[in-house]
mmCIF file of all heavy atoms, coordinates in Angstrom:
data_MODEL
# 
_entry.id   MODEL 
# 
loop_
_atom_site.group_PDB 
_atom_site.id 
_atom_site.type_symbol 
_atom_site.label_atom_id 
_atom_site.label_alt_id 
_atom_site.label_comp_id 
_atom_site.label_asym_id 
_atom_site.label_entity_id 
_atom_site.label_seq_id 
_atom_site.pdbx_PDB_ins_code 
_atom_site.Cartn_x 
_atom_site.Cartn_y 
_atom_site.Cartn_z 
_atom_site.occupancy 
_atom_site.B_iso_or_equiv 
_atom_site.pdbx_formal_charge 
_atom_site.auth_seq_id 
_atom_site.auth_comp_id 
_atom_site.auth_asym_id 
_atom_site.auth_atom_id 
_atom_site.pdbx_PDB_model_num 
ATOM 1   N N   . ARG A 1 1  ? 24.546 35.583 204.449 1.00 0.00 ? 1  ARG A N   1 
ATOM 2   C CA  . ARG A 1 1  ? 25.225 34.743 203.459 1.00 0.00 ? 1  ARG A CA  1 
ATOM 3   C C   . ARG A 1 1  ? 26.719 34.637 203.748 1.00 0.00 ? 1  ARG A C   1 
ATOM 4   O O   . ARG A 1 1  ? 27.323 33.571 203.561 1.00 0.00 ? 1  ARG A O   1 
ATOM 5   C CB  . ARG A 1 1  ? 24.986 35.309 202.056 1.00 0.00 ? 1  ARG A CB  1 
ATOM 6   C CG  . ARG A 1 1  ? 23.531 35.227 201.626 1.00 0.00 ? 1  ARG A CG  1 
ATOM 7   C CD  . ARG A 1 1  ? 23.353 35.560 200.165 1.00 0.00 ? 1  ARG A CD  1 
ATOM 8   N NE  . ARG A 1 1  ? 21.939 35.608 199.792 1.00 0.00 ? 1  ARG A NE  1 
ATOM 9   C CZ  . ARG A 1 1  ? 21.479 35.338 198.582 1.00 0.00 ? 1  ARG A CZ  1 
ATOM 10  N NH1 . ARG A 1 1  ? 22.313 34.993 197.614 1.00 0.00 ? 1  ARG A NH1 1 
ATOM 11  N NH2 . ARG A 1 1  ? 20.194 35.414 198.332 1.00 0.00 ? 1  ARG A NH2 1 
ATOM 12  N N   . VAL A 1 2  ? 27.299 35.721 204.212 1.00 0.00 ? 2  VAL A N   1 
ATOM 13  C CA  . VAL A 1 2  ? 28.723 35.710 204.541 1.00 0.00 ? 2  VAL A CA  1 
ATOM 14  C C   . VAL A 1 2  ? 28.997 34.856 205.779 1.00 0.00 ? 2  VAL A C   1 
ATOM 15  O O   . VAL A 1 2  ? 29.959 34.073 205.807 1.00 0.00 ? 2  VAL A O   1 
ATOM 16  C CB  . VAL A 1 2  ? 29.234 37.149 204.745 1.00 0.00 ? 2  VAL A CB  1 
ATOM 17  C CG1 . VAL A 1 2  ? 30.619 37.143 205.386 1.00 0.00 ? 2  VAL A CG1 1 
ATOM 18  C CG2 . VAL A 1 2  ? 29.277 37.885 203.413 1.00 0.00 ? 2  VAL A CG2 1 
ATOM 19  N N   . ILE A 1 3  ? 28.184 34.992 206.815 1.00 0.00 ? 3  ILE A N   1 
ATOM 20  C CA  . ILE A 1 3  ? 28.364 34.191 208.031 1.00 0.00 ? 3  ILE A CA  1 
ATOM 21  C C   . ILE A 1 3  ? 28.383 32.705 207.697 1.00 0.00 ? 3  ILE A C   1 
ATOM 22  O O   . ILE A 1 3  ? 29.170 31.932 208.259 1.00 0.00 ? 3  ILE A O   1 
ATOM 23  C CB  . ILE A 1 3  ? 27.243 34.499 209.047 1.00 0.00 ? 3  ILE A CB  1 
ATOM 24  C CG1 . ILE A 1 3  ? 27.417 35.893 209.654 1.00 0.00 ? 3  ILE A CG1 1 
ATOM 25  C CG2 . ILE A 1 3  ? 27.213 33.451 210.161 1.00 0.00 ? 3  ILE A CG2 1 
ATOM 26  C CD1 . ILE A 1 3  ? 26.242 36.328 210.508 1.00 0.00 ? 3  ILE A CD1 1 
ATOM 27  N N   . ASP A 1 4  ? 27.522 32.303 206.780 1.00 0.00 ? 4  ASP A N   1 
ATOM 28  C CA  . ASP A 1 4  ? 27.363 30.882 206.448 1.00 0.00 ? 4  ASP A CA  1 
ATOM 29  C C   . ASP A 1 4  ? 28.511 30.316 205.623 1.00 0.00 ? 4  ASP A C   1 
ATOM 30  O O   . ASP A 1 4  ? 28.596 29.099 205.444 1.00 0.00 ? 4  ASP A O   1 
ATOM 31  C CB  . ASP A 1 4  ? 26.055 30.671 205.680 1.00 0.00 ? 4  ASP A CB  1 
ATOM 32  C CG  . ASP A 1 4  ? 24.828 30.811 206.562 1.00 0.00 ? 4  ASP A CG  1 
ATOM 33  O OD1 . ASP A 1 4  ? 24.986 30.802 207.794 1.00 0.00 ? 4  ASP A OD1 1 
ATOM 34  O OD2 . ASP A 1 4  ? 23.715 30.929 206.019 1.00 0.00 ? 4  ASP A OD2 1 
ATOM 35  N N   . LYS A 1 5  ? 29.394 31.169 205.127 1.00 0.00 ? 5  LYS A N   1 
ATOM 36  C CA  . LYS A 1 5  ? 30.462 30.707 204.229 1.00 0.00 ? 5  LYS A CA  1 
ATOM 37  C C   . LYS A 1 5  ? 31.810 31.228 204.733 1.00 0.00 ? 5  LYS A C   1 
ATOM 38  O O   . LYS A 1 5  ? 32.251 32.307 204.360 1.00 0.00 ? 5  LYS A O   1 
ATOM 39  C CB  . LYS A 1 5  ? 30.192 31.202 202.801 1.00 0.00 ? 5  LYS A CB  1 
ATOM 40  C CG  . LYS A 1 5  ? 31.147 30.647 201.754 1.00 0.00 ? 5  LYS A CG  1 
ATOM 41  C CD  . LYS A 1 5  ? 30.742 31.141 200.365 1.00 0.00 ? 5  LYS A CD  1 
ATOM 42  C CE  . LYS A 1 5  ? 31.685 30.596 199.305 1.00 0.00 ? 5  LYS A CE  1 
ATOM 43  N NZ  . LYS A 1 5  ? 31.301 31.087 197.941 1.00 0.00 ? 5  LYS A NZ  1 
ATOM 44  N N   . PRO A 1 6  ? 32.474 30.472 205.610 1.00 0.00 ? 6  PRO A N   1 
ATOM 45  C CA  . PRO A 1 6  ? 33.756 30.942 206.151 1.00 0.00 ? 6  PRO A CA  1 
ATOM 46  C C   . PRO A 1 6  ? 34.757 31.292 205.049 1.00 0.00 ? 6  PRO A C   1 
ATOM 47  O O   . PRO A 1 6  ? 34.794 30.657 203.994 1.00 0.00 ? 6  PRO A O   1 
ATOM 48  C CB  . PRO A 1 6  ? 34.234 29.732 206.969 1.00 0.00 ? 6  PRO A CB  1 
ATOM 49  C CG  . PRO A 1 6  ? 32.986 29.041 207.382 1.00 0.00 ? 6  PRO A CG  1 
ATOM 50  C CD  . PRO A 1 6  ? 32.057 29.193 206.205 1.00 0.00 ? 6  PRO A CD  1 
ATOM 51  N N   . ALA A 1 7  ? 35.539 32.306 205.327 1.00 0.00 ? 7  ALA A N   1 
ATOM 52  C CA  . ALA A 1 7  ? 36.526 32.789 204.357 1.00 0.00 ? 7  ALA A CA  1 
ATOM 53  C C   . ALA A 1 7  ? 37.511 31.686 203.982 1.00 0.00 ? 7  ALA A C   1 
ATOM 54  O O   . ALA A 1 7  ? 37.898 30.858 204.816 1.00 0.00 ? 7  ALA A O   1 
ATOM 55  C CB  . ALA A 1 7  ? 37.272 33.978 204.949 1.00 0.00 ? 7  ALA A CB  1 
ATOM 56  N N   . GLN A 1 8  ? 37.904 31.689 202.719 1.00 0.00 ? 8  GLN A N   1 
ATOM 57  C CA  . GLN A 1 8  ? 38.870 30.734 202.202 1.00 0.00 ? 8  GLN A CA  1 
ATOM 58  C C   . GLN A 1 8  ? 40.109 31.468 201.705 1.00 0.00 ? 8  GLN A C   1 
ATOM 59  O O   . GLN A 1 8  ? 40.039 32.628 201.281 1.00 0.00 ? 8  GLN A O   1 
ATOM 60  C CB  . GLN A 1 8  ? 38.253 29.936 201.042 1.00 0.00 ? 8  GLN A CB  1 
ATOM 61  C CG  . GLN A 1 8  ? 36.996 29.171 201.398 1.00 0.00 ? 8  GLN A CG  1 
ATOM 62  C CD  . GLN A 1 8  ? 37.266 27.998 202.310 1.00 0.00 ? 8  GLN A CD  1 
ATOM 63  O OE1 . GLN A 1 8  ? 38.241 27.281 202.133 1.00 0.00 ? 8  GLN A OE1 1 
ATOM 64  N NE2 . GLN A 1 8  ? 36.396 27.799 203.305 1.00 0.00 ? 8  GLN A NE2 1 
ATOM 65  N N   . ALA A 1 9  ? 41.222 30.787 201.746 1.00 0.00 ? 9  ALA A N   1 
ATOM 66  C CA  . ALA A 1 9  ? 42.448 31.345 201.177 1.00 0.00 ? 9  ALA A CA  1 
ATOM 67  C C   . ALA A 1 9  ? 42.313 31.454 199.663 1.00 0.00 ? 9  ALA A C   1 
ATOM 68  O O   . ALA A 1 9  ? 41.602 30.675 199.021 1.00 0.00 ? 9  ALA A O   1 
ATOM 69  C CB  . ALA A 1 9  ? 43.631 30.462 201.537 1.00 0.00 ? 9  ALA A CB  1 
ATOM 70  N N   . ASN A 1 10 ? 42.964 32.460 199.093 1.00 0.00 ? 10 ASN A N   1 
ATOM 71  C CA  . ASN A 1 10 ? 43.002 32.628 197.646 1.00 0.00 ? 10 ASN A CA  1 
ATOM 72  C C   . ASN A 1 10 ? 44.269 31.949 197.115 1.00 0.00 ? 10 ASN A C   1 
ATOM 73  O O   . ASN A 1 10 ? 45.375 32.450 197.321 1.00 0.00 ? 10 ASN A O   1 
ATOM 74  C CB  . ASN A 1 10 ? 43.014 34.118 197.302 1.00 0.00 ? 10 ASN A CB  1 
ATOM 75  C CG  . ASN A 1 10 ? 43.131 34.375 195.809 1.00 0.00 ? 10 ASN A CG  1 
ATOM 76  O OD1 . ASN A 1 10 ? 43.111 33.451 194.997 1.00 0.00 ? 10 ASN A OD1 1 
ATOM 77  N ND2 . ASN A 1 10 ? 43.266 35.645 195.431 1.00 0.00 ? 10 ASN A ND2 1 
ATOM 78  N N   . PRO A 1 11 ? 44.140 30.810 196.409 1.00 0.00 ? 11 PRO A N   1 
ATOM 79  C CA  . PRO A 1 11 ? 45.327 30.078 195.955 1.00 0.00 ? 11 PRO A CA  1 
ATOM 80  C C   . PRO A 1 11 ? 46.153 30.847 194.928 1.00 0.00 ? 11 PRO A C   1 
ATOM 81  O O   . PRO A 1 11 ? 47.318 30.518 194.695 1.00 0.00 ? 11 PRO A O   1 
ATOM 82  C CB  . PRO A 1 11 ? 44.738 28.796 195.356 1.00 0.00 ? 11 PRO A CB  1 
ATOM 83  C CG  . PRO A 1 11 ? 43.329 29.145 195.010 1.00 0.00 ? 11 PRO A CG  1 
ATOM 84  C CD  . PRO A 1 11 ? 42.887 30.147 196.027 1.00 0.00 ? 11 PRO A CD  1 
ATOM 85  N N   . LYS A 1 12 ? 45.557 31.881 194.335 1.00 0.00 ? 12 LYS A N   1 
ATOM 86  C CA  . LYS A 1 12 ? 46.266 32.664 193.316 1.00 0.00 ? 12 LYS A CA  1 
ATOM 87  C C   . LYS A 1 12 ? 46.962 33.893 193.898 1.00 0.00 ? 12 LYS A C   1 
ATOM 88  O O   . LYS A 1 12 ? 47.607 34.644 193.161 1.00 0.00 ? 12 LYS A O   1 
ATOM 89  C CB  . LYS A 1 12 ? 45.282 33.095 192.225 1.00 0.00 ? 12 LYS A CB  1 
ATOM 90  C CG  . LYS A 1 12 ? 44.659 31.930 191.464 1.00 0.00 ? 12 LYS A CG  1 
ATOM 91  C CD  . LYS A 1 12 ? 43.696 32.427 190.382 1.00 0.00 ? 12 LYS A CD  1 
ATOM 92  C CE  . LYS A 1 12 ? 43.078 31.243 189.635 1.00 0.00 ? 12 LYS A CE  1 
ATOM 93  N NZ  . LYS A 1 12 ? 42.122 31.713 188.578 1.00 0.00 ? 12 LYS A NZ  1 
ATOM 94  N N   . TRP A 1 13 ? 46.828 34.096 195.191 1.00 0.00 ? 13 TRP A N   1 
ATOM 95  C CA  . TRP A 1 13 ? 47.426 35.278 195.814 1.00 0.00 ? 13 TRP A CA  1 
ATOM 96  C C   . TRP A 1 13 ? 48.949 35.174 195.815 1.00 0.00 ? 13 TRP A C   1 
ATOM 97  O O   . TRP A 1 13 ? 49.511 34.133 196.156 1.00 0.00 ? 13 TRP A O   1 
ATOM 98  C CB  . TRP A 1 13 ? 46.912 35.414 197.241 1.00 0.00 ? 13 TRP A CB  1 
ATOM 99  C CG  . TRP A 1 13 ? 47.198 36.747 197.888 1.00 0.00 ? 13 TRP A CG  1 
ATOM 100 C CD1 . TRP A 1 13 ? 46.382 37.834 197.894 1.00 0.00 ? 13 TRP A CD1 1 
ATOM 101 C CD2 . TRP A 1 13 ? 48.366 37.125 198.626 1.00 0.00 ? 13 TRP A CD2 1 
ATOM 102 N NE1 . TRP A 1 13 ? 46.970 38.870 198.587 1.00 0.00 ? 13 TRP A NE1 1 
ATOM 103 C CE2 . TRP A 1 13 ? 48.188 38.462 199.040 1.00 0.00 ? 13 TRP A CE2 1 
ATOM 104 C CE3 . TRP A 1 13 ? 49.549 36.465 198.962 1.00 0.00 ? 13 TRP A CE3 1 
ATOM 105 C CZ2 . TRP A 1 13 ? 49.139 39.150 199.786 1.00 0.00 ? 13 TRP A CZ2 1 
ATOM 106 C CZ3 . TRP A 1 13 ? 50.505 37.147 199.695 1.00 0.00 ? 13 TRP A CZ3 1 
ATOM 107 C CH2 . TRP A 1 13 ? 50.295 38.478 200.103 1.00 0.00 ? 13 TRP A CH2 1 
ATOM 108 N N   . VAL A 1 14 ? 49.621 36.260 195.442 1.00 0.00 ? 14 VAL A N   1 
ATOM 109 C CA  . VAL A 1 14 ? 51.080 36.285 195.430 1.00 0.00 ? 14 VAL A CA  1 
ATOM 110 C C   . VAL A 1 14 ? 51.583 37.566 196.096 1.00 0.00 ? 14 VAL A C   1 
ATOM 111 O O   . VAL A 1 14 ? 50.995 38.629 195.945 1.00 0.00 ? 14 VAL A O   1 
ATOM 112 C CB  . VAL A 1 14 ? 51.650 36.187 193.998 1.00 0.00 ? 14 VAL A CB  1 
ATOM 113 C CG1 . VAL A 1 14 ? 51.418 34.796 193.421 1.00 0.00 ? 14 VAL A CG1 1 
ATOM 114 C CG2 . VAL A 1 14 ? 51.039 37.244 193.093 1.00 0.00 ? 14 VAL A CG2 1 
ATOM 115 N N   . GLY A 1 15 ? 52.661 37.447 196.814 1.00 0.00 ? 15 GLY A N   1 
ATOM 116 C CA  . GLY A 1 15 ? 53.173 38.561 197.591 1.00 0.00 ? 15 GLY A CA  1 
ATOM 117 C C   . GLY A 1 15 ? 53.834 39.654 196.787 1.00 0.00 ? 15 GLY A C   1 
ATOM 118 O O   . GLY A 1 15 ? 53.938 40.789 197.258 1.00 0.00 ? 15 GLY A O   1 
ATOM 119 N N   . ASP A 1 16 ? 54.284 39.353 195.561 1.00 0.00 ? 16 ASP A N   1 
ATOM 120 C CA  . ASP A 1 16 ? 54.933 40.400 194.773 1.00 0.00 ? 16 ASP A CA  1 
ATOM 121 C C   . ASP A 1 16 ? 53.923 41.264 194.014 1.00 0.00 ? 16 ASP A C   1 
ATOM 122 O O   . ASP A 1 16 ? 54.280 42.266 193.411 1.00 0.00 ? 16 ASP A O   1 
ATOM 123 C CB  . ASP A 1 16 ? 55.971 39.807 193.811 1.00 0.00 ? 16 ASP A CB  1 
ATOM 124 C CG  . ASP A 1 16 ? 55.386 38.776 192.857 1.00 0.00 ? 16 ASP A CG  1 
ATOM 125 O OD1 . ASP A 1 16 ? 54.174 38.516 192.936 1.00 0.00 ? 16 ASP A OD1 1 
ATOM 126 O OD2 . ASP A 1 16 ? 56.149 38.221 192.040 1.00 0.00 ? 16 ASP A OD2 1 
ATOM 127 N N   . ASN A 1 17 ? 52.656 40.856 194.049 1.00 0.00 ? 17 ASN A N   1 
ATOM 128 C CA  . ASN A 1 17 ? 51.569 41.680 193.508 1.00 0.00 ? 17 ASN A CA  1 
ATOM 129 C C   . ASN A 1 17 ? 50.341 41.453 194.384 1.00 0.00 ? 17 ASN A C   1 
ATOM 130 O O   . ASN A 1 17 ? 49.343 40.891 193.948 1.00 0.00 ? 17 ASN A O   1 
ATOM 131 C CB  . ASN A 1 17 ? 51.281 41.316 192.050 1.00 0.00 ? 17 ASN A CB  1 
ATOM 132 C CG  . ASN A 1 17 ? 50.243 42.237 191.422 1.00 0.00 ? 17 ASN A CG  1 
ATOM 133 O OD1 . ASN A 1 17 ? 50.067 43.386 191.839 1.00 0.00 ? 17 ASN A OD1 1 
ATOM 134 N ND2 . ASN A 1 17 ? 49.537 41.725 190.429 1.00 0.00 ? 17 ASN A ND2 1 
ATOM 135 N N   . PRO A 1 18 ? 50.391 41.886 195.642 1.00 0.00 ? 18 PRO A N   1 
ATOM 136 C CA  . PRO A 1 18 ? 49.368 41.499 196.618 1.00 0.00 ? 18 PRO A CA  1 
ATOM 137 C C   . PRO A 1 18 ? 48.002 42.109 196.344 1.00 0.00 ? 18 PRO A C   1 
ATOM 138 O O   . PRO A 1 18 ? 47.875 43.298 196.083 1.00 0.00 ? 18 PRO A O   1 
ATOM 139 C CB  . PRO A 1 18 ? 49.943 42.006 197.945 1.00 0.00 ? 18 PRO A CB  1 
ATOM 140 C CG  . PRO A 1 18 ? 50.867 43.118 197.566 1.00 0.00 ? 18 PRO A CG  1 
ATOM 141 C CD  . PRO A 1 18 ? 51.437 42.742 196.233 1.00 0.00 ? 18 PRO A CD  1 
ATOM 142 N N   . ASP A 1 19 ? 46.984 41.261 196.438 1.00 0.00 ? 19 ASP A N   1 
ATOM 143 C CA  . ASP A 1 19 ? 45.593 41.693 196.295 1.00 0.00 ? 19 ASP A CA  1 
ATOM 144 C C   . ASP A 1 19 ? 45.076 42.099 197.671 1.00 0.00 ? 19 ASP A C   1 
ATOM 145 O O   . ASP A 1 19 ? 44.997 41.259 198.567 1.00 0.00 ? 19 ASP A O   1 
ATOM 146 C CB  . ASP A 1 19 ? 44.764 40.549 195.730 1.00 0.00 ? 19 ASP A CB  1 
ATOM 147 C CG  . ASP A 1 19 ? 43.274 40.817 195.750 1.00 0.00 ? 19 ASP A CG  1 
ATOM 148 O OD1 . ASP A 1 19 ? 42.883 41.997 195.906 1.00 0.00 ? 19 ASP A OD1 1 
ATOM 149 O OD2 . ASP A 1 19 ? 42.497 39.852 195.613 1.00 0.00 ? 19 ASP A OD2 1 
ATOM 150 N N   . PRO A 1 20 ? 44.717 43.384 197.891 1.00 0.00 ? 20 PRO A N   1 
ATOM 151 C CA  . PRO A 1 20 ? 44.265 43.825 199.215 1.00 0.00 ? 20 PRO A CA  1 
ATOM 152 C C   . PRO A 1 20 ? 42.994 43.146 199.705 1.00 0.00 ? 20 PRO A C   1 
ATOM 153 O O   . PRO A 1 20 ? 42.741 43.108 200.913 1.00 0.00 ? 20 PRO A O   1 
ATOM 154 C CB  . PRO A 1 20 ? 44.028 45.327 199.018 1.00 0.00 ? 20 PRO A CB  1 
ATOM 155 C CG  . PRO A 1 20 ? 44.869 45.711 197.853 1.00 0.00 ? 20 PRO A CG  1 
ATOM 156 C CD  . PRO A 1 20 ? 44.837 44.516 196.943 1.00 0.00 ? 20 PRO A CD  1 
ATOM 157 N N   . GLY A 1 21 ? 42.179 42.614 198.791 1.00 0.00 ? 21 GLY A N   1 
ATOM 158 C CA  . GLY A 1 21 ? 40.878 42.067 199.188 1.00 0.00 ? 21 GLY A CA  1 
ATOM 159 C C   . GLY A 1 21 ? 40.883 40.599 199.545 1.00 0.00 ? 21 GLY A C   1 
ATOM 160 O O   . GLY A 1 21 ? 39.897 40.085 200.074 1.00 0.00 ? 21 GLY A O   1 
ATOM 161 N N   . THR A 1 22 ? 41.991 39.897 199.264 1.00 0.00 ? 22 THR A N   1 
ATOM 162 C CA  . THR A 1 22 ? 42.091 38.473 199.572 1.00 0.00 ? 22 THR A CA  1 
ATOM 163 C C   . THR A 1 22 ? 43.476 38.207 200.152 1.00 0.00 ? 22 THR A C   1 
ATOM 164 O O   . THR A 1 22 ? 44.236 39.127 200.424 1.00 0.00 ? 22 THR A O   1 
ATOM 165 C CB  . THR A 1 22 ? 41.860 37.607 198.324 1.00 0.00 ? 22 THR A CB  1 
ATOM 166 O OG1 . THR A 1 22 ? 42.941 37.821 197.398 1.00 0.00 ? 22 THR A OG1 1 
ATOM 167 C CG2 . THR A 1 22 ? 40.544 37.945 197.641 1.00 0.00 ? 22 THR A CG2 1 
ATOM 168 N N   . SER A 1 23 ? 43.812 36.915 200.330 1.00 0.00 ? 23 SER A N   1 
ATOM 169 C CA  . SER A 1 23 ? 45.093 36.578 200.930 1.00 0.00 ? 23 SER A CA  1 
ATOM 170 C C   . SER A 1 23 ? 45.387 35.101 200.709 1.00 0.00 ? 23 SER A C   1 
ATOM 171 O O   . SER A 1 23 ? 44.500 34.322 200.328 1.00 0.00 ? 23 SER A O   1 
ATOM 172 C CB  . SER A 1 23 ? 45.060 36.873 202.434 1.00 0.00 ? 23 SER A CB  1 
ATOM 173 O OG  . SER A 1 23 ? 46.247 36.442 203.071 1.00 0.00 ? 23 SER A OG  1 
ATOM 174 N N   . SER A 1 24 ? 46.624 34.726 200.973 1.00 0.00 ? 24 SER A N   1 
ATOM 175 C CA  . SER A 1 24 ? 46.971 33.301 201.035 1.00 0.00 ? 24 SER A CA  1 
ATOM 176 C C   . SER A 1 24 ? 46.447 32.677 202.318 1.00 0.00 ? 24 SER A C   1 
ATOM 177 O O   . SER A 1 24 ? 46.456 31.468 202.481 1.00 0.00 ? 24 SER A O   1 
ATOM 178 C CB  . SER A 1 24 ? 48.487 33.126 200.948 1.00 0.00 ? 24 SER A CB  1 
ATOM 179 O OG  . SER A 1 24 ? 49.122 33.834 201.994 1.00 0.00 ? 24 SER A OG  1 
# 
């Protein structure tokens, strides 16, 4: 299921409170 769905940027990601599991 993961292979079939390429990773997407997280539009809510911010550098002053970074989420380790996602990214811009």
